[in-house]
Every structure is written in structure tokens, then in C-alpha cells.
Amino acid sequence: MKRSLLLILILIAAGFCKLFAQTFDNKIYGIVKDIATGKPLTDVNIFISHFTWGTTSDQNGNFNLSSIRPGKHELVFSIIGYATQSKSVTVTKDSVLFSEIKLIPKVYELKEVTVVEEKPDEWYDDLDKFIEKFFGYTRNPHNCIVVNQNYLEFNHPEENILVARCEYPLEILNYSLGYRIMCEIQEFEYDSWSAELKQNYRLYYSELDTSDTAVKNEWIKNRRLSYQKSLYFFFKKLISDSYTKENFSITLVTKPRIIRQTRLIEINSSTEILTINKITETYQLSFSNYLQVEYDDYYRNPKISWLKLNYPFITIDKYGYPLEDYAITLLGYCAKSGIASSLPKDYDIPE
């Protein structure tokens, strides 16, 4: 009886996934070549950053991506031996876009390969700090590994600054959420004195494979929990002005403090800080100082975050994602989440 009930629940979950996986009559296609020789390049990884949409070029350098969610996206072309190239594309529900991409061969720094030396102790210290900030402070990091972490390089331009870089994409296996993530580090800089973390990545998600239904069920549950605690879920509920129903409360404050606030202005409706552009189906978020966001989970364990806009206003798409780079400075709970809790932008849960 229990096994039958479990099977029914899995089929319902699968049905939900199909229901909310929209299809669009659009595509991006083209050809990838070597800029010097003009020859087509095979097996180039082509993906839309932060999504699960990706492919590889065939033996003639051709590629094709279809049924892409409308919006402005970063299309990335990556292969070892060439500099990664990306371009901004704006996709509509029925657009057909062609791209001819010419990749530039990459010159790598010559390194000693005949003698394999143990990494110095300082490298392992830097690795521990990087992993801590990169994965974030959640339970998920215990189930995440970086397969090729030995490629990571660290330096300290100042005593309190840790900078991480990698010549190759990092391969991350997230056994808690069920994703394999390829990550290109564009920026990672952590200041231990101010606790400020500057980070920017190109991410490509693909599903891990398992035949274990219990594991798949766990992935479904964990993804939902991660999404419900995310900034993007809050933005989506802010857009629909239903954030209070999801146990969020928001307040404008002058400083990010839990107690002894000098000024508190409670926000009772999202329209006080959010305006809609009906033509572009986007939303403009604007407020002064800090927006304090408090989330009460079902265990009565409040989680508080503070948001500070890096521009006079920022634009959010209808799915809850900011369109500007470096749009928000985060403090508190949301600032502690990392790659281990991240989900592809095409993930969604049933309403």
C-alpha cells in the first residue's frame, strides 16, 4: 500500500513538472568556427547561463537550441583550448535567431608538468575558505563536491583579500539537489575584514541521473525547499503582492540591524516599492536605504535578510530575476546562500 502511494506521488510530481514546463516556438541556431582558420569547431559547449538549456556543436560546427523561455539571456560558447565567448540575446516566444561565432584560441601559461608537487598548506587554507563562501552556509554543502578543485588558483592582493580564479570550468556535483553544474568563475573576491563577497559566475545545470525513486523524491523536496527560501521566490511573490501569504514581512530600515532600529517603515503592499511596465512585462524596484526581509518558516525560525540596491532602481522580470548585473547587495540570511543552494532559472514549483 505504501509503495503504491509513493508511486502515485511520484507520478503526480512528474505530471506537475510537465504541466509547468512550457514550450515555445522559438530557436537559436548557428555555427561555431576557429577565428584563425575558419574551420568549424566540434563539441563546443553552448548554453544559456544559469539555465538547463544547452547543447554541443556537431561535426560541422552547427548548433541548435529551441523552446527557450522568452527574455534577455547570456548565450555562452565554451571549449577547452579557446577563450570563452558570450553574447546577449533577446528571445521572444517565436523568434528565430542565427549566430556565427568565431572563437579565439587560448594561450595557457606554461606550468611544470613533469614533477607533481603537493599543494602548499596555504593553498588548502585558501581552498577551505573558498569552499565555505562558494557553497554557502546551508546543509547542502555537505552533499556537494568540486570534482576538479585542484585547478583552482588563489592569491592575496592584500592581506584581507582572497581572490580565486580557474583556467577551466569547475565541475560541481550537488547530490542534495540532483544537479551537475559547470561553473566558470568570472569573479570571486572575499574581504575577510568587511565580510564582503564579490562573485559572478557562468553556470550550466544538468540533471544527475539515478534510478532510485527515493533519491528522486528527495531531490524534488530539497529543490522546493531551496526555492522557497530564495531571493527569487520572494521577488516572485512580491510581484504578485502575495508575499505575506508565504510568511514574508518587509520593512524599510536605515541600517541592517535586528534591534534598536533608528527608523522602521513597514511595507504593507508591494506597490509601495514596485511598479509594472506592462509592455515589457517587467517590474521596477526602488527604495532607499535597506529593505529588511523576514521569512518565518514552519518551524518558527525567522530568517532575516537585508537588501540594498546598487542603482536608483533595478528591473525584475516576471519570473523574479533581476536583469542588471550586480543589482543588489545582500546581507543576512540571503547573503549566506551559495552555489550549493542555487537552482537553474527555469526551475519552478506549482502554485
Protein backbone atom coordinates (compact mmCIF):
# COMPACT_ATOMS: atom_id res chain seq x y z
CA MET A 1 0.00 0.00 0.00
CA LYS A 2 2.80 2.39 0.95
CA ARG A 3 4.72 1.60 -2.24
CA SER A 4 1.59 2.28 -4.31
CA LEU A 5 1.05 5.62 -2.58
CA LEU A 6 4.70 6.57 -3.15
CA LEU A 7 4.40 5.69 -6.85
CA ILE A 8 1.27 7.83 -7.16
CA LEU A 9 3.04 10.79 -5.52
CA ILE A 10 5.99 10.45 -7.91
CA LEU A 11 3.67 10.34 -10.93
CA ILE A 12 1.84 13.42 -9.67
CA ALA A 13 5.16 15.25 -9.24
CA ALA A 14 6.19 14.23 -12.76
CA GLY A 15 2.85 15.46 -14.06
CA PHE A 16 3.40 18.82 -12.36
CA CYS A 17 6.83 19.08 -14.00
CA LYS A 18 5.29 18.51 -17.43
CA LEU A 19 2.46 20.92 -16.69
CA PHE A 20 4.79 23.77 -15.79
CA ALA A 21 7.43 23.04 -18.46
CA GLN A 22 6.16 25.48 -21.08
CA THR A 23 7.11 25.10 -24.71
CA PHE A 24 7.85 27.99 -27.06
CA ASP A 25 8.07 28.09 -30.84
CA ASN A 26 11.50 29.72 -30.98
CA LYS A 27 15.10 28.74 -31.60
CA ILE A 28 18.70 29.91 -31.64
CA TYR A 29 20.87 28.23 -34.25
CA GLY A 30 24.19 28.86 -35.95
CA ILE A 31 27.76 27.74 -36.49
CA VAL A 32 30.97 27.94 -34.44
CA LYS A 33 34.36 28.39 -36.15
CA ASP A 34 38.02 28.93 -35.35
CA ILE A 35 38.70 32.63 -35.91
CA ALA A 36 42.15 31.99 -37.38
CA THR A 37 41.46 29.06 -39.72
CA GLY A 38 37.74 29.49 -40.31
CA LYS A 39 37.25 25.76 -39.75
CA PRO A 40 34.13 24.56 -37.92
CA LEU A 41 34.63 23.56 -34.28
CA THR A 42 33.14 20.32 -32.96
CA ASP A 43 31.91 19.64 -29.41
CA VAL A 44 31.77 23.27 -28.33
CA ASN A 45 29.59 23.60 -25.23
CA ILE A 46 26.79 26.05 -25.95
CA PHE A 47 24.45 27.00 -23.14
CA ILE A 48 22.33 29.78 -21.71
CA SER A 49 23.92 30.85 -18.44
CA HIS A 50 22.08 29.90 -15.23
CA PHE A 51 19.68 27.57 -17.06
CA THR A 52 19.43 23.92 -18.08
CA TRP A 53 19.28 24.79 -21.78
CA GLY A 54 22.41 23.64 -23.55
CA THR A 55 23.84 21.64 -26.44
CA THR A 56 27.12 20.96 -28.27
CA SER A 57 28.15 21.78 -31.83
CA ASP A 58 28.15 18.89 -34.30
CA GLN A 59 30.97 17.79 -36.63
CA ASN A 60 30.18 20.71 -38.94
CA GLY A 61 30.16 23.26 -36.12
CA ASN A 62 26.38 23.64 -36.22
CA PHE A 63 24.20 24.02 -33.14
CA ASN A 64 20.51 24.44 -32.38
CA LEU A 65 18.65 25.43 -29.19
CA SER A 66 14.86 25.57 -29.14
CA SER A 67 11.86 26.18 -26.86
CA ILE A 68 13.65 28.84 -24.80
CA ARG A 69 11.79 30.93 -22.26
CA PRO A 70 11.38 34.47 -23.64
CA GLY A 71 13.66 37.11 -22.17
CA LYS A 72 17.14 38.54 -22.29
CA HIS A 73 19.76 35.81 -21.86
CA GLU A 74 23.51 35.27 -21.93
CA LEU A 75 24.45 32.71 -24.59
CA VAL A 76 27.83 31.12 -23.81
CA PHE A 77 30.30 29.26 -26.06
CA SER A 78 32.97 27.28 -24.22
CA ILE A 79 35.56 24.65 -25.10
CA ILE A 80 38.99 23.87 -23.68
CA GLY A 81 41.71 25.46 -25.81
CA TYR A 82 39.67 28.56 -26.69
CA ALA A 83 38.65 31.69 -24.84
CA THR A 84 35.05 31.52 -23.68
CA GLN A 85 32.79 33.84 -25.62
CA SER A 86 29.31 35.03 -24.74
CA LYS A 87 26.69 37.26 -26.28
CA SER A 88 23.45 38.79 -25.08
CA VAL A 89 20.35 37.54 -26.88
CA THR A 90 16.76 38.67 -26.55
CA VAL A 91 14.36 35.83 -27.20
CA THR A 92 10.63 36.14 -27.86
CA LYS A 93 8.09 33.31 -27.87
CA ASP A 94 8.50 32.83 -31.66
CA SER A 95 11.88 34.39 -32.51
CA VAL A 96 14.42 32.68 -34.77
CA LEU A 97 17.99 33.88 -34.16
CA PHE A 98 21.13 32.96 -36.12
CA SER A 99 24.68 33.40 -34.80
CA GLU A 100 28.05 32.79 -36.43
CA ILE A 101 30.59 32.60 -33.62
CA LYS A 102 34.35 32.72 -34.11
CA LEU A 103 36.34 31.54 -31.11
CA ILE A 104 39.86 32.71 -30.33
CA PRO A 105 42.49 30.08 -29.41
CA LYS A 106 43.58 30.49 -25.81
CA VAL A 107 47.22 30.64 -24.78
CA TYR A 108 47.70 28.95 -21.43
CA GLU A 109 50.51 29.73 -19.05
CA LEU A 110 53.23 27.08 -19.21
CA LYS A 111 53.36 25.09 -15.99
CA GLU A 112 55.61 22.37 -14.72
CA VAL A 113 54.01 19.04 -15.58
CA THR A 114 56.91 16.61 -15.25
CA VAL A 115 57.02 16.83 -11.46
CA VAL A 116 53.80 16.59 -9.43
CA GLU A 117 54.22 18.52 -6.20
CA GLU A 118 51.94 18.57 -3.19
CA LYS A 119 49.96 21.77 -2.82
CA PRO A 120 51.32 24.05 -0.08
CA ASP A 121 49.44 24.32 3.22
CA GLU A 122 48.41 27.87 2.34
CA TRP A 123 46.56 26.58 -0.74
CA TYR A 124 44.48 24.22 1.37
CA ASP A 125 43.70 27.04 3.82
CA ASP A 126 42.53 29.19 0.91
CA LEU A 127 40.54 26.27 -0.51
CA ASP A 128 38.67 25.81 2.78
CA LYS A 129 37.73 29.49 2.85
CA PHE A 130 36.73 29.44 -0.83
CA ILE A 131 34.54 26.35 -0.42
CA GLU A 132 32.87 27.88 2.63
CA LYS A 133 31.90 31.06 0.76
CA PHE A 134 31.33 29.43 -2.62
CA PHE A 135 28.89 26.77 -1.41
CA GLY A 136 27.28 28.91 1.31
CA TYR A 137 26.08 28.27 4.84
CA THR A 138 23.37 25.67 4.31
CA ARG A 139 23.07 21.97 4.89
CA ASN A 140 23.56 21.33 1.16
CA PRO A 141 27.37 21.90 1.07
CA HIS A 142 27.88 18.57 2.83
CA ASN A 143 26.45 16.89 -0.25
CA CYS A 144 28.41 18.93 -2.81
CA ILE A 145 31.83 18.28 -4.27
CA VAL A 146 34.06 20.11 -6.72
CA VAL A 147 35.42 17.35 -8.94
CA ASN A 148 38.39 19.30 -10.32
CA GLN A 149 39.23 21.61 -7.41
CA ASN A 150 42.97 21.15 -8.00
CA TYR A 151 42.71 23.56 -10.94
CA LEU A 152 41.79 26.40 -8.58
CA GLU A 153 44.35 29.17 -8.05
CA PHE A 154 44.34 31.64 -5.18
CA ASN A 155 46.12 34.89 -4.48
CA HIS A 156 46.03 37.68 -1.91
CA PRO A 157 46.43 41.17 -3.43
CA GLU A 158 46.02 42.39 0.15
CA GLU A 159 46.27 40.55 3.46
CA ASN A 160 42.50 40.52 3.94
CA ILE A 161 41.55 39.78 0.31
CA LEU A 162 41.16 36.30 -1.15
CA VAL A 163 40.87 36.06 -4.94
CA ALA A 164 40.04 32.77 -6.67
CA ARG A 165 40.38 32.01 -10.36
CA CYS A 166 40.38 28.92 -12.57
CA GLU A 167 41.54 28.38 -16.14
CA TYR A 168 38.90 25.69 -16.64
CA PRO A 169 35.22 25.37 -15.74
CA LEU A 170 34.66 23.84 -12.32
CA GLU A 171 32.58 20.68 -12.28
CA ILE A 172 30.27 20.54 -9.27
CA LEU A 173 28.13 17.57 -8.23
CA ASN A 174 25.25 18.58 -5.98
CA TYR A 175 23.87 15.35 -4.53
CA SER A 176 21.36 17.23 -2.40
CA LEU A 177 19.53 18.94 -5.29
CA GLY A 178 20.41 16.47 -8.04
CA TYR A 179 22.39 18.72 -10.38
CA ARG A 180 25.71 18.63 -12.17
CA ILE A 181 26.88 22.24 -12.51
CA MET A 182 29.60 23.55 -14.80
CA CYS A 183 30.85 26.84 -13.37
CA GLU A 184 33.10 29.44 -14.97
CA ILE A 185 34.40 31.85 -12.37
CA GLN A 186 34.27 35.39 -13.69
CA GLU A 187 34.87 36.99 -10.31
CA PHE A 188 35.47 35.76 -6.78
CA GLU A 189 36.86 38.18 -4.22
CA TYR A 190 36.31 37.88 -0.47
CA ASP A 191 37.26 40.56 2.05
CA SER A 192 37.67 38.94 5.48
CA TRP A 193 37.65 42.32 7.26
CA SER A 194 34.33 43.59 5.89
CA ALA A 195 32.91 40.10 5.12
CA GLU A 196 32.08 41.41 1.63
CA LEU A 197 31.94 38.83 -1.14
CA LYS A 198 32.07 39.83 -4.80
CA GLN A 199 31.14 36.94 -7.05
CA ASN A 200 30.00 36.38 -10.58
CA TYR A 201 29.72 33.05 -12.37
CA ARG A 202 28.54 31.48 -15.59
CA LEU A 203 26.58 28.37 -14.63
CA TYR A 204 25.17 25.49 -16.65
CA TYR A 205 22.93 22.94 -14.92
CA SER A 206 22.16 19.39 -15.97
CA GLU A 207 20.25 16.68 -14.15
CA LEU A 208 22.07 13.96 -12.27
CA ASP A 209 20.84 10.50 -13.21
CA THR A 210 19.53 7.89 -10.81
CA SER A 211 17.07 5.02 -10.92
CA ASP A 212 16.43 5.29 -7.17
CA THR A 213 12.92 6.72 -6.76
CA ALA A 214 13.57 7.62 -3.12
CA VAL A 215 16.54 9.76 -4.19
CA LYS A 216 14.48 11.46 -6.90
CA ASN A 217 11.78 12.23 -4.36
CA GLU A 218 14.38 13.73 -2.04
CA TRP A 219 15.64 15.95 -4.87
CA ILE A 220 12.10 17.18 -5.55
CA LYS A 221 11.63 18.05 -1.87
CA ASN A 222 15.03 19.72 -1.46
CA ARG A 223 14.64 21.81 -4.63
CA ARG A 224 11.29 23.07 -3.46
CA LEU A 225 12.65 23.99 -0.03
CA SER A 226 15.67 25.78 -1.51
CA TYR A 227 13.50 27.73 -3.92
CA GLN A 228 11.03 28.80 -1.23
CA LYS A 229 13.90 30.28 0.79
CA SER A 230 15.46 32.05 -2.17
CA LEU A 231 15.51 35.73 -3.01
CA TYR A 232 13.91 34.98 -6.38
CA PHE A 233 10.90 33.27 -4.81
CA PHE A 234 10.46 36.35 -2.60
CA PHE A 235 10.62 38.62 -5.67
CA LYS A 236 8.06 36.47 -7.48
CA LYS A 237 5.67 36.76 -4.55
CA LEU A 238 6.42 40.48 -4.28
CA ILE A 239 5.35 40.85 -7.91
CA SER A 240 2.03 39.14 -7.22
CA ASP A 241 1.67 41.05 -3.91
CA SER A 242 1.22 37.72 -2.13
CA TYR A 243 4.42 37.72 -0.09
CA THR A 244 2.58 37.83 3.25
CA LYS A 245 0.81 34.57 2.40
CA GLU A 246 4.26 32.96 2.10
CA ASN A 247 5.29 34.16 5.58
CA PHE A 248 7.39 37.11 4.36
CA SER A 249 7.25 40.52 6.02
CA ILE A 250 9.18 43.53 4.72
CA THR A 251 10.28 46.77 6.32
CA LEU A 252 12.37 49.75 5.24
CA VAL A 253 15.22 50.44 7.67
CA THR A 254 18.15 52.83 7.79
CA LYS A 255 20.70 50.23 8.85
CA PRO A 256 20.87 46.43 8.73
CA ARG A 257 20.25 45.70 12.41
CA ILE A 258 18.00 43.28 14.23
CA ILE A 259 17.48 45.51 17.26
CA ARG A 260 17.48 49.24 18.02
CA GLN A 261 16.45 50.35 14.58
CA THR A 262 16.53 54.13 14.21
CA ARG A 263 13.68 54.12 11.71
CA LEU A 264 11.20 51.45 10.69
CA ILE A 265 8.70 51.79 7.84
CA GLU A 266 6.56 48.72 7.35
CA ILE A 267 5.60 47.92 3.76
CA ASN A 268 2.00 46.76 3.54
CA SER A 269 1.79 46.40 -0.24
CA SER A 270 4.36 45.72 -2.94
CA THR A 271 3.00 48.69 -4.92
CA GLU A 272 4.81 50.96 -2.43
CA ILE A 273 8.19 49.89 -3.84
CA LEU A 274 7.33 48.16 -7.13
CA THR A 275 5.90 49.46 -10.43
CA ILE A 276 4.99 47.47 -13.52
CA ASN A 277 5.88 48.04 -17.16
CA LYS A 278 3.01 46.25 -18.92
CA ILE A 279 4.64 46.48 -22.36
CA THR A 280 7.85 44.65 -21.39
CA GLU A 281 6.26 42.61 -18.57
CA THR A 282 8.98 43.77 -16.20
CA TYR A 283 8.92 45.44 -12.80
CA GLN A 284 10.89 48.38 -11.41
CA LEU A 285 12.01 48.01 -7.81
CA SER A 286 13.01 51.16 -5.95
CA PHE A 287 13.58 52.01 -2.29
CA SER A 288 16.02 53.95 -0.10
CA ASN A 289 18.49 52.59 2.44
CA TYR A 290 17.77 48.92 3.22
CA LEU A 291 14.82 46.62 2.68
CA GLN A 292 14.57 44.19 5.58
CA VAL A 293 13.00 40.89 4.53
CA GLU A 294 11.95 38.49 7.26
CA TYR A 295 10.88 34.95 6.50
CA ASP A 296 9.18 32.78 9.12
CA ASP A 297 9.49 29.12 8.26
CA TYR A 298 7.14 26.48 9.56
CA TYR A 299 9.46 25.81 12.50
CA ARG A 300 9.11 29.38 13.79
CA ASN A 301 12.71 30.07 12.95
CA PRO A 302 12.78 33.59 11.44
CA LYS A 303 15.40 34.31 8.78
CA ILE A 304 16.27 37.95 8.19
CA SER A 305 17.94 39.44 5.12
CA TRP A 306 18.72 43.00 4.10
CA LEU A 307 18.69 44.22 0.50
CA LYS A 308 20.43 47.35 -0.73
CA LEU A 309 20.03 48.47 -4.34
CA ASN A 310 23.24 49.28 -6.20
CA TYR A 311 21.32 51.57 -8.57
CA PRO A 312 18.48 54.08 -8.02
CA PHE A 313 16.18 51.29 -9.23
CA ILE A 314 16.52 47.81 -10.68
CA THR A 315 14.44 45.83 -13.16
CA ILE A 316 12.98 42.42 -12.33
CA ASP A 317 11.48 40.07 -14.90
CA LYS A 318 8.12 38.39 -14.31
CA TYR A 319 9.87 35.27 -13.00
CA GLY A 320 11.55 37.19 -10.18
CA TYR A 321 15.08 37.62 -11.55
CA PRO A 322 16.95 40.97 -11.67
CA LEU A 323 18.05 41.94 -15.18
CA GLU A 324 21.00 44.14 -14.19
CA ASP A 325 24.37 42.70 -13.19
CA TYR A 326 25.42 43.39 -9.60
CA ALA A 327 21.93 44.76 -8.95
CA ILE A 328 21.72 44.12 -5.21
CA THR A 329 23.99 43.96 -2.18
CA LEU A 330 22.81 41.26 0.21
CA LEU A 331 23.33 40.95 3.94
CA GLY A 332 22.00 38.46 6.45
CA TYR A 333 20.42 35.12 5.58
CA CYS A 334 20.28 35.50 1.78
CA ALA A 335 23.95 36.53 1.72
CA LYS A 336 24.86 33.17 3.25
CA SER A 337 23.39 31.08 0.45
CA GLY A 338 25.75 29.91 -2.26
CA ILE A 339 26.10 27.54 -5.18
CA ALA A 340 25.00 24.59 -3.02
CA SER A 341 21.52 26.12 -2.73
CA SER A 342 21.30 27.51 -6.26
CA LEU A 343 18.75 26.35 -8.78
CA PRO A 344 18.54 26.93 -12.55
CA LYS A 345 16.38 29.88 -13.52
CA ASP A 346 14.00 27.63 -15.42
CA TYR A 347 13.10 25.81 -12.21
CA ASP A 348 9.63 26.49 -10.88
CA ILE A 349 7.13 24.89 -8.50
CA PRO A 350 3.38 24.57 -8.90
CA GLU A 351 1.38 27.41 -7.42
